[in-house]
C-alpha atoms as a PDB file:
ATOM      1  CA  MET A   1       0.000   0.000   0.000  1.00  0.00           C
ATOM      2  CA  ALA A   2       1.390   3.385  -1.005  1.00  0.00           C
ATOM      3  CA  ILE A   3       1.537   6.277   1.438  1.00  0.00           C
ATOM      4  CA  ASP A   4      -1.160   8.203  -0.443  1.00  0.00           C
ATOM      5  CA  GLU A   5      -3.604   5.263  -0.599  1.00  0.00           C
ATOM      6  CA  TYR A   6      -6.354   4.786   1.947  1.00  0.00           C
ATOM      7  CA  TYR A   7      -8.552   1.761   2.501  1.00  0.00           C
ATOM      8  CA  LEU A   8     -11.734   1.591   4.503  1.00  0.00           C
ATOM      9  CA  LYS A   9     -13.589  -1.547   5.498  1.00  0.00           C
ATOM     10  CA  PHE A  10     -16.936  -1.555   7.226  1.00  0.00           C
ATOM     11  CA  PRO A  11     -17.881  -4.209   9.792  1.00  0.00           C
ATOM     12  CA  SER A  12     -21.231  -4.688   8.056  1.00  0.00           C
ATOM     13  CA  PRO A  13     -20.887  -6.708   4.808  1.00  0.00           C
ATOM     14  CA  PHE A  14     -24.159  -5.147   3.635  1.00  0.00           C
ATOM     15  CA  VAL A  15     -22.803  -1.585   3.975  1.00  0.00           C
ATOM     16  CA  GLN A  16     -19.457  -2.592   2.447  1.00  0.00           C
ATOM     17  CA  LYS A  17     -21.136  -4.165  -0.586  1.00  0.00           C
ATOM     18  CA  ARG A  18     -23.564  -1.276  -1.110  1.00  0.00           C
ATOM     19  CA  LEU A  19     -20.775   1.313  -0.957  1.00  0.00           C
ATOM     20  CA  PHE A  20     -18.556  -0.712  -3.282  1.00  0.00           C
ATOM     21  CA  ASN A  21     -21.387  -1.082  -5.786  1.00  0.00           C
ATOM     22  CA  TYR A  22     -22.182   2.630  -5.648  1.00  0.00           C
ATOM     23  CA  PHE A  23     -18.599   3.728  -6.217  1.00  0.00           C
ATOM     24  CA  ALA A  24     -17.987   1.050  -8.856  1.00  0.00           C
ATOM     25  CA  ARG A  25     -21.001   2.291 -10.844  1.00  0.00           C
ATOM     26  CA  THR A  26     -19.980   5.921 -10.325  1.00  0.00           C
ATOM     27  CA  LEU A  27     -16.356   5.448 -11.368  1.00  0.00           C
ATOM     28  CA  PHE A  28     -16.950   2.895 -14.137  1.00  0.00           C
ATOM     29  CA  PRO A  29     -20.424   3.549 -15.582  1.00  0.00           C
ATOM     30  CA  GLU A  30     -19.442   2.235 -19.005  1.00  0.00           C
ATOM     31  CA  LEU A  31     -18.849  -1.295 -17.733  1.00  0.00           C
ATOM     32  CA  GLY A  32     -21.797  -3.457 -18.633  1.00  0.00           C
ATOM     33  CA  ARG A  33     -23.197  -6.558 -17.080  1.00  0.00           C
ATOM     34  CA  LEU A  34     -22.328 -10.000 -18.311  1.00  0.00           C
ATOM     35  CA  TYR A  35     -26.026 -10.717 -18.797  1.00  0.00           C
ATOM     36  CA  ASP A  36     -29.313  -8.905 -18.409  1.00  0.00           C
ATOM     37  CA  PRO A  37     -30.564  -9.417 -14.835  1.00  0.00           C
ATOM     38  CA  PHE A  38     -33.958 -10.494 -16.197  1.00  0.00           C
ATOM     39  CA  ASP A  39     -32.515 -12.804 -18.847  1.00  0.00           C
ATOM     40  CA  ASN A  40     -33.715 -16.390 -18.599  1.00  0.00           C
ATOM     41  CA  LEU A  41     -30.662 -18.548 -17.811  1.00  0.00           C
ATOM     42  CA  ASP A  42     -32.507 -21.880 -17.844  1.00  0.00           C
ATOM     43  CA  ASP A  43     -30.616 -22.905 -20.998  1.00  0.00           C
ATOM     44  CA  THR A  44     -27.312 -22.330 -19.194  1.00  0.00           C
ATOM     45  CA  ILE A  45     -27.795 -23.059 -15.495  1.00  0.00           C
ATOM     46  CA  THR A  46     -30.051 -25.658 -13.914  1.00  0.00           C
ATOM     47  CA  GLU A  47     -30.207 -27.176 -10.452  1.00  0.00           C
ATOM     48  CA  THR A  48     -27.932 -30.014 -11.550  1.00  0.00           C
ATOM     49  CA  ASP A  49     -26.035 -28.762 -14.615  1.00  0.00           C
ATOM     50  CA  LEU A  50     -23.960 -25.932 -15.977  1.00  0.00           C
ATOM     51  CA  ASN A  51     -24.004 -25.828 -19.772  1.00  0.00           C
ATOM     52  CA  ILE A  52     -20.433 -24.699 -20.499  1.00  0.00           C
ATOM     53  CA  ARG A  53     -21.024 -24.416 -24.253  1.00  0.00           C
ATOM     54  CA  ARG A  54     -23.992 -22.076 -23.724  1.00  0.00           C
ATOM     55  CA  LEU A  55     -22.073 -20.129 -21.061  1.00  0.00           C
ATOM     56  CA  LEU A  56     -19.225 -19.537 -23.516  1.00  0.00           C
ATOM     57  CA  GLN A  57     -21.737 -18.487 -26.198  1.00  0.00           C
ATOM     58  CA  ARG A  58     -23.185 -15.928 -23.810  1.00  0.00           C
ATOM     59  CA  TYR A  59     -19.714 -14.642 -22.967  1.00  0.00           C
ATOM     60  CA  GLU A  60     -18.792 -14.428 -26.652  1.00  0.00           C
ATOM     61  CA  HIS A  61     -21.951 -12.393 -27.268  1.00  0.00           C
ATOM     62  CA  TYR A  62     -20.962 -10.068 -24.399  1.00  0.00           C
ATOM     63  CA  LEU A  63     -17.468  -9.614 -25.877  1.00  0.00           C
ATOM     64  CA  GLN A  64     -18.901  -8.857 -29.312  1.00  0.00           C
ATOM     65  CA  GLN A  65     -21.276  -6.254 -27.878  1.00  0.00           C
ATOM     66  CA  ASN A  66     -18.487  -4.577 -25.887  1.00  0.00           C
ATOM     67  CA  ARG A  67     -15.572  -5.135 -28.274  1.00  0.00           C
ATOM     68  CA  THR A  68     -14.751  -1.467 -28.852  1.00  0.00           C
ATOM     69  CA  ARG A  69     -14.626  -0.611 -25.155  1.00  0.00           C
ATOM     70  CA  LEU A  70     -12.878  -3.781 -24.023  1.00  0.00           C
ATOM     71  CA  LEU A  71     -10.181  -3.546 -26.701  1.00  0.00           C
ATOM     72  CA  ALA A  72      -9.745   0.241 -26.578  1.00  0.00           C
ATOM     73  CA  ASP A  73      -6.246  -0.056 -25.076  1.00  0.00           C
ATOM     74  CA  ALA A  74      -5.196  -3.194 -26.994  1.00  0.00           C
ATOM     75  CA  ASN A  75      -2.590  -1.361 -29.111  1.00  0.00           C
ATOM     76  CA  THR A  76      -0.873   0.109 -26.048  1.00  0.00           C
ATOM     77  CA  GLY A  77      -0.175  -3.247 -24.458  1.00  0.00           C
ATOM     78  CA  ILE A  78      -2.514  -2.482 -21.538  1.00  0.00           C
ATOM     79  CA  THR A  79      -4.813  -5.324 -20.549  1.00  0.00           C
ATOM     80  CA  VAL A  80      -8.383  -4.265 -19.898  1.00  0.00           C
ATOM     81  CA  ALA A  81     -10.279  -6.561 -17.573  1.00  0.00           C
ATOM     82  CA  PRO A  82     -13.999  -6.004 -17.049  1.00  0.00           C
ATOM     83  CA  ILE A  83     -15.343  -5.950 -13.517  1.00  0.00           C
ATOM     84  CA  PHE A  84     -18.687  -7.616 -12.908  1.00  0.00           C
ATOM     85  CA  VAL A  85     -20.688  -6.663  -9.855  1.00  0.00           C
ATOM     86  CA  MET A  86     -23.543  -8.926  -8.911  1.00  0.00           C
ATOM     87  CA  THR A  87     -25.934  -7.023  -6.658  1.00  0.00           C
ATOM     88  CA  GLY A  88     -28.882  -9.394  -6.617  1.00  0.00           C
ATOM     89  CA  GLU A  89     -31.119  -6.383  -7.109  1.00  0.00           C
ATOM     90  CA  GLY A  90     -33.569  -5.976  -9.968  1.00  0.00           C
END
């Protein structure tokens, strides 16, 4: 940790998560979600199975939709990694 960096952790996981989500959305509003929160995932996730092929198809679709933003720094050698925040809220 650098001298000019500060970290704050709250004893309540609920407060910590809400604050993280707020600041993540404020600082990185252009980052999308991996899937629409109301999207039916029955073809991908069931109680007993995870359809890897369908999961990869969904991820490929996400990459195609966000190609310009995700690869914006590709020529500079900087790796851009998307951050996904699952809030459980609708």
